[in-house]
Amino acid sequence: MKKAADCKTMDEVRTEIDRVDRALVDLLAERWTYVDRAWVFKRSAAEASVPWRNRDVIEKVRSRANTAGMPPEMAEALWRLIIGWGIQYEEERLREK
C-alpha cells in the first residue's frame, strides 16, 4: 500500500486504485449483507424506506467524506444510489411475503 503522493508512475497509481476498488467492493458486499438482513425486520412495517434514517445516513456520510478529504457531494450522490438500491431490494422482498 502506497500513499498517492508516494506513487512515482501511472502504473503505481493504477495499482493502488485497483487495490482500493477491491476493498470498496468487499466493504459494499459486507454492507449488502446487512441490507439483506434488514428487510426481515421490516416485514411488519408498511414500507422499506425510512426517510429519517436515510437522511441520517446521508448526513453521516457527508460529514465523514468531508473529514476524509472527499467531496461531500460525491459521497452523497453515491450513497443515494446505494440507499436507493437497498430500498428497491427490500420493497421487492417485502412484496414477496
PDB file of N, CA and C in Angstrom:
ATOM      1  N   MET A   1       0.836  -1.180   0.000  1.00  0.00           N
ATOM      2  CA  MET A   1       0.000   0.000   0.000  1.00  0.00           C
ATOM      3  C   MET A   1       0.879   1.241   0.000  1.00  0.00           C
ATOM      4  N   LYS A   2       0.614   2.113  -0.960  1.00  0.00           N
ATOM      5  CA  LYS A   2       1.347   3.371  -1.062  1.00  0.00           C
ATOM      6  C   LYS A   2       0.377   4.526  -0.925  1.00  0.00           C
ATOM      7  N   LYS A   3       0.841   5.607  -0.375  1.00  0.00           N
ATOM      8  CA  LYS A   3       0.058   6.833  -0.401  1.00  0.00           C
ATOM      9  C   LYS A   3       0.134   7.400  -1.811  1.00  0.00           C
ATOM     10  N   ALA A   4      -0.890   8.140  -2.185  1.00  0.00           N
ATOM     11  CA  ALA A   4      -0.924   8.710  -3.533  1.00  0.00           C
ATOM     12  C   ALA A   4       0.328   9.539  -3.816  1.00  0.00           C
ATOM     13  N   ALA A   5       0.772  10.308  -2.851  1.00  0.00           N
ATOM     14  CA  ALA A   5       1.948  11.169  -3.040  1.00  0.00           C
ATOM     15  C   ALA A   5       3.230  10.362  -3.245  1.00  0.00           C
ATOM     16  N   ASP A   6       3.235   9.099  -2.834  1.00  0.00           N
ATOM     17  CA  ASP A   6       4.431   8.255  -2.981  1.00  0.00           C
ATOM     18  C   ASP A   6       4.490   7.520  -4.321  1.00  0.00           C
ATOM     19  N   CYS A   7       3.424   7.573  -5.096  1.00  0.00           N
ATOM     20  CA  CYS A   7       3.416   6.909  -6.401  1.00  0.00           C
ATOM     21  C   CYS A   7       4.283   7.704  -7.370  1.00  0.00           C
ATOM     22  N   LYS A   8       5.155   6.993  -8.054  1.00  0.00           N
ATOM     23  CA  LYS A   8       6.087   7.626  -8.985  1.00  0.00           C
ATOM     24  C   LYS A   8       5.686   7.465 -10.447  1.00  0.00           C
ATOM     25  N   THR A   9       4.781   6.527 -10.712  1.00  0.00           N
ATOM     26  CA  THR A   9       4.371   6.274 -12.097  1.00  0.00           C
ATOM     27  C   THR A   9       2.855   6.094 -12.161  1.00  0.00           C
ATOM     28  N   MET A  10       2.324   6.204 -13.358  1.00  0.00           N
ATOM     29  CA  MET A  10       0.899   5.969 -13.562  1.00  0.00           C
ATOM     30  C   MET A  10       0.541   4.525 -13.249  1.00  0.00           C
ATOM     31  N   ASP A  11       1.431   3.584 -13.543  1.00  0.00           N
ATOM     32  CA  ASP A  11       1.182   2.183 -13.211  1.00  0.00           C
ATOM     33  C   ASP A  11       1.009   2.000 -11.704  1.00  0.00           C
ATOM     34  N   GLU A  12       1.826   2.693 -10.922  1.00  0.00           N
ATOM     35  CA  GLU A  12       1.685   2.605  -9.464  1.00  0.00           C
ATOM     36  C   GLU A  12       0.348   3.193  -9.010  1.00  0.00           C
ATOM     37  N   VAL A  13      -0.045   4.304  -9.610  1.00  0.00           N
ATOM     38  CA  VAL A  13      -1.350   4.905  -9.289  1.00  0.00           C
ATOM     39  C   VAL A  13      -2.463   3.914  -9.615  1.00  0.00           C
ATOM     40  N   ARG A  14      -2.410   3.299 -10.788  1.00  0.00           N
ATOM     41  CA  ARG A  14      -3.445   2.347 -11.196  1.00  0.00           C
ATOM     42  C   ARG A  14      -3.478   1.130 -10.277  1.00  0.00           C
ATOM     43  N   THR A  15      -2.325   0.647  -9.871  1.00  0.00           N
ATOM     44  CA  THR A  15      -2.260  -0.491  -8.953  1.00  0.00           C
ATOM     45  C   THR A  15      -2.957  -0.156  -7.641  1.00  0.00           C
ATOM     46  N   GLU A  16      -2.708   1.042  -7.137  1.00  0.00           N
ATOM     47  CA  GLU A  16      -3.327   1.455  -5.873  1.00  0.00           C
ATOM     48  C   GLU A  16      -4.828   1.683  -6.032  1.00  0.00           C
ATOM     49  N   ILE A  17      -5.242   2.229  -7.159  1.00  0.00           N
ATOM     50  CA  ILE A  17      -6.678   2.395  -7.409  1.00  0.00           C
ATOM     51  C   ILE A  17      -7.351   1.028  -7.456  1.00  0.00           C
ATOM     52  N   ASP A  18      -6.725   0.061  -8.117  1.00  0.00           N
ATOM     53  CA  ASP A  18      -7.276  -1.297  -8.170  1.00  0.00           C
ATOM     54  C   ASP A  18      -7.387  -1.896  -6.765  1.00  0.00           C
ATOM     55  N   ARG A  19      -6.392  -1.667  -5.931  1.00  0.00           N
ATOM     56  CA  ARG A  19      -6.411  -2.166  -4.550  1.00  0.00           C
ATOM     57  C   ARG A  19      -7.580  -1.547  -3.784  1.00  0.00           C
ATOM     58  N   VAL A  20      -7.734  -0.243  -3.921  1.00  0.00           N
ATOM     59  CA  VAL A  20      -8.830   0.446  -3.233  1.00  0.00           C
ATOM     60  C   VAL A  20     -10.176  -0.047  -3.759  1.00  0.00           C
ATOM     61  N   ASP A  21     -10.281  -0.227  -5.068  1.00  0.00           N
ATOM     62  CA  ASP A  21     -11.531  -0.726  -5.653  1.00  0.00           C
ATOM     63  C   ASP A  21     -11.901  -2.088  -5.074  1.00  0.00           C
ATOM     64  N   ARG A  22     -10.921  -2.975  -4.936  1.00  0.00           N
ATOM     65  CA  ARG A  22     -11.193  -4.292  -4.349  1.00  0.00           C
ATOM     66  C   ARG A  22     -11.714  -4.136  -2.926  1.00  0.00           C
ATOM     67  N   ALA A  23     -11.085  -3.263  -2.158  1.00  0.00           N
ATOM     68  CA  ALA A  23     -11.514  -3.039  -0.777  1.00  0.00           C
ATOM     69  C   ALA A  23     -12.920  -2.442  -0.725  1.00  0.00           C
ATOM     70  N   LEU A  24     -13.212  -1.511  -1.633  1.00  0.00           N
ATOM     71  CA  LEU A  24     -14.546  -0.910  -1.676  1.00  0.00           C
ATOM     72  C   LEU A  24     -15.611  -1.955  -1.990  1.00  0.00           C
ATOM     73  N   VAL A  25     -15.347  -2.801  -2.965  1.00  0.00           N
ATOM     74  CA  VAL A  25     -16.307  -3.846  -3.318  1.00  0.00           C
ATOM     75  C   VAL A  25     -16.520  -4.781  -2.129  1.00  0.00           C
ATOM     76  N   ASP A  26     -15.449  -5.157  -1.456  1.00  0.00           N
ATOM     77  CA  ASP A  26     -15.571  -6.031  -0.289  1.00  0.00           C
ATOM     78  C   ASP A  26     -16.419  -5.373   0.800  1.00  0.00           C
ATOM     79  N   LEU A  27     -16.190  -4.092   1.060  1.00  0.00           N
ATOM     80  CA  LEU A  27     -16.968  -3.385   2.081  1.00  0.00           C
ATOM     81  C   LEU A  27     -18.422  -3.205   1.666  1.00  0.00           C
ATOM     82  N   LEU A  28     -18.655  -2.906   0.395  1.00  0.00           N
ATOM     83  CA  LEU A  28     -20.035  -2.782  -0.086  1.00  0.00           C
ATOM     84  C   LEU A  28     -20.762  -4.128  -0.044  1.00  0.00           C
ATOM     85  N   ALA A  29     -20.043  -5.199  -0.331  1.00  0.00           N
ATOM     86  CA  ALA A  29     -20.641  -6.532  -0.237  1.00  0.00           C
ATOM     87  C   ALA A  29     -21.008  -6.835   1.217  1.00  0.00           C
ATOM     88  N   GLU A  30     -20.151  -6.460   2.138  1.00  0.00           N
ATOM     89  CA  GLU A  30     -20.464  -6.647   3.554  1.00  0.00           C
ATOM     90  C   GLU A  30     -21.679  -5.812   3.948  1.00  0.00           C
ATOM     91  N   ARG A  31     -21.722  -4.562   3.475  1.00  0.00           N
ATOM     92  CA  ARG A  31     -22.870  -3.696   3.760  1.00  0.00           C
ATOM     93  C   ARG A  31     -24.149  -4.339   3.246  1.00  0.00           C
ATOM     94  N   TRP A  32     -24.059  -4.946   2.068  1.00  0.00           N
ATOM     95  CA  TRP A  32     -25.241  -5.554   1.458  1.00  0.00           C
ATOM     96  C   TRP A  32     -25.793  -6.685   2.315  1.00  0.00           C
ATOM     97  N   THR A  33     -24.934  -7.409   3.025  1.00  0.00           N
ATOM     98  CA  THR A  33     -25.440  -8.480   3.889  1.00  0.00           C
ATOM     99  C   THR A  33     -26.368  -7.913   4.957  1.00  0.00           C
ATOM    100  N   TYR A  34     -26.105  -6.686   5.405  1.00  0.00           N
ATOM    101  CA  TYR A  34     -26.965  -6.048   6.397  1.00  0.00           C
ATOM    102  C   TYR A  34     -28.267  -5.562   5.765  1.00  0.00           C
ATOM    103  N   VAL A  35     -28.193  -5.079   4.534  1.00  0.00           N
ATOM    104  CA  VAL A  35     -29.410  -4.695   3.812  1.00  0.00           C
ATOM    105  C   VAL A  35     -30.291  -5.935   3.643  1.00  0.00           C
ATOM    106  N   ASP A  36     -29.665  -7.040   3.279  1.00  0.00           N
ATOM    107  CA  ASP A  36     -30.402  -8.285   3.092  1.00  0.00           C
ATOM    108  C   ASP A  36     -31.058  -8.722   4.399  1.00  0.00           C
ATOM    109  N   ARG A  37     -30.409  -8.482   5.495  1.00  0.00           N
ATOM    110  CA  ARG A  37     -30.974  -8.838   6.805  1.00  0.00           C
ATOM    111  C   ARG A  37     -32.063  -7.848   7.230  1.00  0.00           C
ATOM    112  N   ALA A  38     -31.916  -6.588   6.874  1.00  0.00           N
ATOM    113  CA  ALA A  38     -32.841  -5.546   7.332  1.00  0.00           C
ATOM    114  C   ALA A  38     -34.272  -5.800   6.889  1.00  0.00           C
ATOM    115  N   TRP A  39     -34.464  -6.296   5.681  1.00  0.00           N
ATOM    116  CA  TRP A  39     -35.834  -6.479   5.201  1.00  0.00           C
ATOM    117  C   TRP A  39     -36.596  -7.452   6.089  1.00  0.00           C
ATOM    118  N   VAL A  40     -35.894  -8.403   6.703  1.00  0.00           N
ATOM    119  CA  VAL A  40     -36.546  -9.368   7.593  1.00  0.00           C
ATOM    120  C   VAL A  40     -37.212  -8.630   8.755  1.00  0.00           C
ATOM    121  N   PHE A  41     -36.532  -7.628   9.281  1.00  0.00           N
ATOM    122  CA  PHE A  41     -37.078  -6.866  10.398  1.00  0.00           C
ATOM    123  C   PHE A  41     -38.154  -5.878   9.949  1.00  0.00           C
ATOM    124  N   LYS A  42     -38.168  -5.583   8.671  1.00  0.00           N
ATOM    125  CA  LYS A  42     -39.148  -4.631   8.139  1.00  0.00           C
ATOM    126  C   LYS A  42     -40.428  -5.320   7.670  1.00  0.00           C
ATOM    127  N   ARG A  43     -40.530  -6.624   7.827  1.00  0.00           N
ATOM    128  CA  ARG A  43     -41.728  -7.344   7.376  1.00  0.00           C
ATOM    129  C   ARG A  43     -43.003  -6.799   8.007  1.00  0.00           C
ATOM    130  N   SER A  44     -42.903  -6.346   9.232  1.00  0.00           N
ATOM    131  CA  SER A  44     -44.096  -5.813   9.901  1.00  0.00           C
ATOM    132  C   SER A  44     -44.333  -4.340   9.577  1.00  0.00           C
ATOM    133  N   ALA A  45     -43.391  -3.727   8.897  1.00  0.00           N
ATOM    134  CA  ALA A  45     -43.536  -2.313   8.529  1.00  0.00           C
ATOM    135  C   ALA A  45     -44.263  -2.189   7.196  1.00  0.00           C
ATOM    136  N   ALA A  46     -44.837  -1.034   6.985  1.00  0.00           N
ATOM    137  CA  ALA A  46     -45.574  -0.805   5.744  1.00  0.00           C
ATOM    138  C   ALA A  46     -44.648  -0.521   4.570  1.00  0.00           C
ATOM    139  N   GLU A  47     -43.460   0.038   4.840  1.00  0.00           N
ATOM    140  CA  GLU A  47     -42.565   0.441   3.765  1.00  0.00           C
ATOM    141  C   GLU A  47     -41.115   0.082   4.087  1.00  0.00           C
ATOM    142  N   ALA A  48     -40.334  -0.081   3.023  1.00  0.00           N
ATOM    143  CA  ALA A  48     -38.913  -0.353   3.187  1.00  0.00           C
ATOM    144  C   ALA A  48     -38.139   0.925   3.496  1.00  0.00           C
ATOM    145  N   SER A  49     -38.594   2.041   2.935  1.00  0.00           N
ATOM    146  CA  SER A  49     -37.889   3.310   3.108  1.00  0.00           C
ATOM    147  C   SER A  49     -38.234   3.943   4.453  1.00  0.00           C
ATOM    148  N   VAL A  50     -37.195   4.376   5.152  1.00  0.00           N
ATOM    149  CA  VAL A  50     -37.364   5.073   6.424  1.00  0.00           C
ATOM    150  C   VAL A  50     -36.684   6.429   6.247  1.00  0.00           C
ATOM    151  N   PRO A  51     -37.461   7.449   5.860  1.00  0.00           N
ATOM    152  CA  PRO A  51     -36.870   8.740   5.491  1.00  0.00           C
ATOM    153  C   PRO A  51     -35.922   9.344   6.521  1.00  0.00           C
ATOM    154  N   TRP A  52     -36.268   9.285   7.810  1.00  0.00           N
ATOM    155  CA  TRP A  52     -35.369   9.873   8.816  1.00  0.00           C
ATOM    156  C   TRP A  52     -34.043   9.142   8.848  1.00  0.00           C
ATOM    157  N   ARG A  53     -34.067   7.815   8.656  1.00  0.00           N
ATOM    158  CA  ARG A  53     -32.827   7.035   8.651  1.00  0.00           C
ATOM    159  C   ARG A  53     -32.002   7.348   7.404  1.00  0.00           C
ATOM    160  N   ASN A  54     -32.659   7.491   6.271  1.00  0.00           N
ATOM    161  CA  ASN A  54     -31.954   7.838   5.035  1.00  0.00           C
ATOM    162  C   ASN A  54     -31.230   9.172   5.194  1.00  0.00           C
ATOM    163  N   ARG A  55     -31.920  10.170   5.760  1.00  0.00           N
ATOM    164  CA  ARG A  55     -31.296  11.487   5.992  1.00  0.00           C
ATOM    165  C   ARG A  55     -30.115  11.368   6.949  1.00  0.00           C
ATOM    166  N   ASP A  56     -30.285  10.566   8.001  1.00  0.00           N
ATOM    167  CA  ASP A  56     -29.218  10.375   8.986  1.00  0.00           C
ATOM    168  C   ASP A  56     -27.977   9.759   8.340  1.00  0.00           C
ATOM    169  N   VAL A  57     -28.177   8.742   7.521  1.00  0.00           N
ATOM    170  CA  VAL A  57     -27.053   8.089   6.830  1.00  0.00           C
ATOM    171  C   VAL A  57     -26.351   9.087   5.920  1.00  0.00           C
ATOM    172  N   ILE A  58     -27.109   9.849   5.146  1.00  0.00           N
ATOM    173  CA  ILE A  58     -26.519  10.827   4.223  1.00  0.00           C
ATOM    174  C   ILE A  58     -25.726  11.879   4.990  1.00  0.00           C
ATOM    175  N   GLU A  59     -26.266  12.376   6.093  1.00  0.00           N
ATOM    176  CA  GLU A  59     -25.548  13.379   6.891  1.00  0.00           C
ATOM    177  C   GLU A  59     -24.234  12.823   7.420  1.00  0.00           C
ATOM    178  N   LYS A  60     -24.258  11.591   7.914  1.00  0.00           N
ATOM    179  CA  LYS A  60     -23.040  10.960   8.434  1.00  0.00           C
ATOM    180  C   LYS A  60     -22.011  10.747   7.320  1.00  0.00           C
ATOM    181  N   VAL A  61     -22.482  10.313   6.164  1.00  0.00           N
ATOM    182  CA  VAL A  61     -21.581  10.072   5.030  1.00  0.00           C
ATOM    183  C   VAL A  61     -20.952  11.387   4.563  1.00  0.00           C
ATOM    184  N   ARG A  62     -21.757  12.435   4.460  1.00  0.00           N
ATOM    185  CA  ARG A  62     -21.223  13.746   4.054  1.00  0.00           C
ATOM    186  C   ARG A  62     -20.169  14.229   5.046  1.00  0.00           C
ATOM    187  N   SER A  63     -20.441  14.082   6.324  1.00  0.00           N
ATOM    188  CA  SER A  63     -19.500  14.515   7.348  1.00  0.00           C
ATOM    189  C   SER A  63     -18.199  13.717   7.269  1.00  0.00           C
ATOM    190  N   ARG A  64     -18.327  12.407   7.140  1.00  0.00           N
ATOM    191  CA  ARG A  64     -17.134  11.549   7.049  1.00  0.00           C
ATOM    192  C   ARG A  64     -16.336  11.871   5.793  1.00  0.00           C
ATOM    193  N   ALA A  65     -17.022  12.080   4.691  1.00  0.00           N
ATOM    194  CA  ALA A  65     -16.346  12.419   3.435  1.00  0.00           C
ATOM    195  C   ALA A  65     -15.570  13.722   3.589  1.00  0.00           C
ATOM    196  N   ASN A  66     -16.189  14.708   4.183  1.00  0.00           N
ATOM    197  CA  ASN A  66     -15.531  15.997   4.385  1.00  0.00           C
ATOM    198  C   ASN A  66     -14.277  15.836   5.243  1.00  0.00           C
ATOM    199  N   THR A  67     -14.390  15.073   6.310  1.00  0.00           N
ATOM    200  CA  THR A  67     -13.245  14.818   7.197  1.00  0.00           C
ATOM    201  C   THR A  67     -12.136  14.063   6.474  1.00  0.00           C
ATOM    202  N   ALA A  68     -12.535  13.138   5.603  1.00  0.00           N
ATOM    203  CA  ALA A  68     -11.566  12.291   4.894  1.00  0.00           C
ATOM    204  C   ALA A  68     -10.979  12.961   3.652  1.00  0.00           C
ATOM    205  N   GLY A  69     -11.471  14.149   3.300  1.00  0.00           N
ATOM    206  CA  GLY A  69     -10.936  14.844   2.135  1.00  0.00           C
ATOM    207  C   GLY A  69     -11.605  14.481   0.823  1.00  0.00           C
ATOM    208  N   MET A  70     -12.802  13.929   0.914  1.00  0.00           N
ATOM    209  CA  MET A  70     -13.567  13.566  -0.285  1.00  0.00           C
ATOM    210  C   MET A  70     -14.675  14.599  -0.461  1.00  0.00           C
ATOM    211  N   PRO A  71     -15.004  14.967  -1.695  1.00  0.00           N
ATOM    212  CA  PRO A  71     -16.106  15.904  -1.879  1.00  0.00           C
ATOM    213  C   PRO A  71     -17.410  15.339  -1.294  1.00  0.00           C
ATOM    214  N   PRO A  72     -18.008  16.019  -0.330  1.00  0.00           N
ATOM    215  CA  PRO A  72     -19.244  15.522   0.275  1.00  0.00           C
ATOM    216  C   PRO A  72     -20.360  15.310  -0.744  1.00  0.00           C
ATOM    217  N   GLU A  73     -20.391  16.129  -1.791  1.00  0.00           N
ATOM    218  CA  GLU A  73     -21.420  15.975  -2.824  1.00  0.00           C
ATOM    219  C   GLU A  73     -21.276  14.644  -3.556  1.00  0.00           C
ATOM    220  N   MET A  74     -20.046  14.233  -3.778  1.00  0.00           N
ATOM    221  CA  MET A  74     -19.813  12.960  -4.449  1.00  0.00           C
ATOM    222  C   MET A  74     -20.244  11.809  -3.536  1.00  0.00           C
ATOM    223  N   ALA A  75     -19.871  11.886  -2.266  1.00  0.00           N
ATOM    224  CA  ALA A  75     -20.265  10.843  -1.321  1.00  0.00           C
ATOM    225  C   ALA A  75     -21.784  10.755  -1.224  1.00  0.00           C
ATOM    226  N   GLU A  76     -22.432  11.905  -1.146  1.00  0.00           N
ATOM    227  CA  GLU A  76     -23.893  11.906  -1.061  1.00  0.00           C
ATOM    228  C   GLU A  76     -24.507  11.261  -2.296  1.00  0.00           C
ATOM    229  N   ALA A  77     -24.028  11.613  -3.467  1.00  0.00           N
ATOM    230  CA  ALA A  77     -24.569  11.042  -4.704  1.00  0.00           C
ATOM    231  C   ALA A  77     -24.405   9.524  -4.725  1.00  0.00           C
ATOM    232  N   LEU A  78     -23.236   9.045  -4.321  1.00  0.00           N
ATOM    233  CA  LEU A  78     -23.002   7.596  -4.291  1.00  0.00           C
ATOM    234  C   LEU A  78     -23.925   6.912  -3.301  1.00  0.00           C
ATOM    235  N   TRP A  79     -24.041   7.492  -2.110  1.00  0.00           N
ATOM    236  CA  TRP A  79     -24.872   6.857  -1.087  1.00  0.00           C
ATOM    237  C   TRP A  79     -26.350   6.919  -1.428  1.00  0.00           C
ATOM    238  N   ARG A  80     -26.778   7.955  -2.121  1.00  0.00           N
ATOM    239  CA  ARG A  80     -28.180   7.984  -2.552  1.00  0.00           C
ATOM    240  C   ARG A  80     -28.462   6.814  -3.499  1.00  0.00           C
ATOM    241  N   LEU A  81     -27.495   6.483  -4.354  1.00  0.00           N
ATOM    242  CA  LEU A  81     -27.645   5.308  -5.225  1.00  0.00           C
ATOM    243  C   LEU A  81     -27.665   4.021  -4.401  1.00  0.00           C
ATOM    244  N   ILE A  82     -26.736   3.906  -3.472  1.00  0.00           N
ATOM    245  CA  ILE A  82     -26.653   2.705  -2.634  1.00  0.00           C
ATOM    246  C   ILE A  82     -27.938   2.530  -1.832  1.00  0.00           C
ATOM    247  N   ILE A  83     -28.407   3.598  -1.217  1.00  0.00           N
ATOM    248  CA  ILE A  83     -29.635   3.533  -0.434  1.00  0.00           C
ATOM    249  C   ILE A  83     -30.817   3.190  -1.339  1.00  0.00           C
ATOM    250  N   GLY A  84     -30.876   3.797  -2.502  1.00  0.00           N
ATOM    251  CA  GLY A  84     -31.960   3.519  -3.440  1.00  0.00           C
ATOM    252  C   GLY A  84     -32.019   2.054  -3.844  1.00  0.00           C
ATOM    253  N   TRP A  85     -30.864   1.476  -4.121  1.00  0.00           N
ATOM    254  CA  TRP A  85     -30.816   0.052  -4.471  1.00  0.00           C
ATOM    255  C   TRP A  85     -31.311  -0.788  -3.297  1.00  0.00           C
ATOM    256  N   GLY A  86     -30.890  -0.427  -2.097  1.00  0.00           N
ATOM    257  CA  GLY A  86     -31.319  -1.169  -0.912  1.00  0.00           C
ATOM    258  C   GLY A  86     -32.821  -1.107  -0.712  1.00  0.00           C
ATOM    259  N   ILE A  87     -33.388   0.088  -0.863  1.00  0.00           N
ATOM    260  CA  ILE A  87     -34.834   0.258  -0.704  1.00  0.00           C
ATOM    261  C   ILE A  87     -35.581  -0.558  -1.752  1.00  0.00           C
ATOM    262  N   GLN A  88     -35.120  -0.493  -2.991  1.00  0.00           N
ATOM    263  CA  GLN A  88     -35.765  -1.263  -4.056  1.00  0.00           C
ATOM    264  C   GLN A  88     -35.723  -2.756  -3.745  1.00  0.00           C
ATOM    265  N   TYR A  89     -34.584  -3.241  -3.303  1.00  0.00           N
ATOM    266  CA  TYR A  89     -34.429  -4.654  -2.967  1.00  0.00           C
ATOM    267  C   TYR A  89     -35.382  -5.044  -1.834  1.00  0.00           C
ATOM    268  N   GLU A  90     -35.395  -4.221  -0.777  1.00  0.00           N
ATOM    269  CA  GLU A  90     -36.256  -4.521   0.356  1.00  0.00           C
ATOM    270  C   GLU A  90     -37.727  -4.506  -0.049  1.00  0.00           C
ATOM    271  N   GLU A  91     -38.127  -3.544  -0.863  1.00  0.00           N
ATOM    272  CA  GLU A  91     -39.523  -3.465  -1.318  1.00  0.00           C
ATOM    273  C   GLU A  91     -39.905  -4.716  -2.104  1.00  0.00           C
ATOM    274  N   GLU A  92     -39.000  -5.186  -2.954  1.00  0.00           N
ATOM    275  CA  GLU A  92     -39.267  -6.414  -3.727  1.00  0.00           C
ATOM    276  C   GLU A  92     -39.433  -7.599  -2.792  1.00  0.00           C
ATOM    277  N   ARG A  93     -38.555  -7.700  -1.809  1.00  0.00           N
ATOM    278  CA  ARG A  93     -38.635  -8.817  -0.861  1.00  0.00           C
ATOM    279  C   ARG A  93     -39.915  -8.726  -0.033  1.00  0.00           C
ATOM    280  N   LEU A  94     -40.281  -7.517   0.367  1.00  0.00           N
ATOM    281  CA  LEU A  94     -41.490  -7.346   1.183  1.00  0.00           C
ATOM    282  C   LEU A  94     -42.749  -7.692   0.393  1.00  0.00           C
ATOM    283  N   ARG A  95     -42.738  -7.430  -0.905  1.00  0.00           N
ATOM    284  CA  ARG A  95     -43.887  -7.787  -1.749  1.00  0.00           C
ATOM    285  C   ARG A  95     -44.053  -9.298  -1.857  1.00  0.00           C
ATOM    286  N   GLU A  96     -42.957 -10.032  -1.693  1.00  0.00           N
ATOM    287  CA  GLU A  96     -42.988 -11.484  -1.780  1.00  0.00           C
ATOM    288  C   GLU A  96     -43.670 -12.130  -0.572  1.00  0.00           C
ATOM    289  N   LYS A  97     -43.729 -11.401   0.544  1.00  0.00           N
ATOM    290  CA  LYS A  97     -44.224 -12.021   1.788  1.00  0.00           C
ATOM    291  C   LYS A  97     -45.636 -12.448   1.739  1.00  0.00           C
TER     292      LYS A  97
END
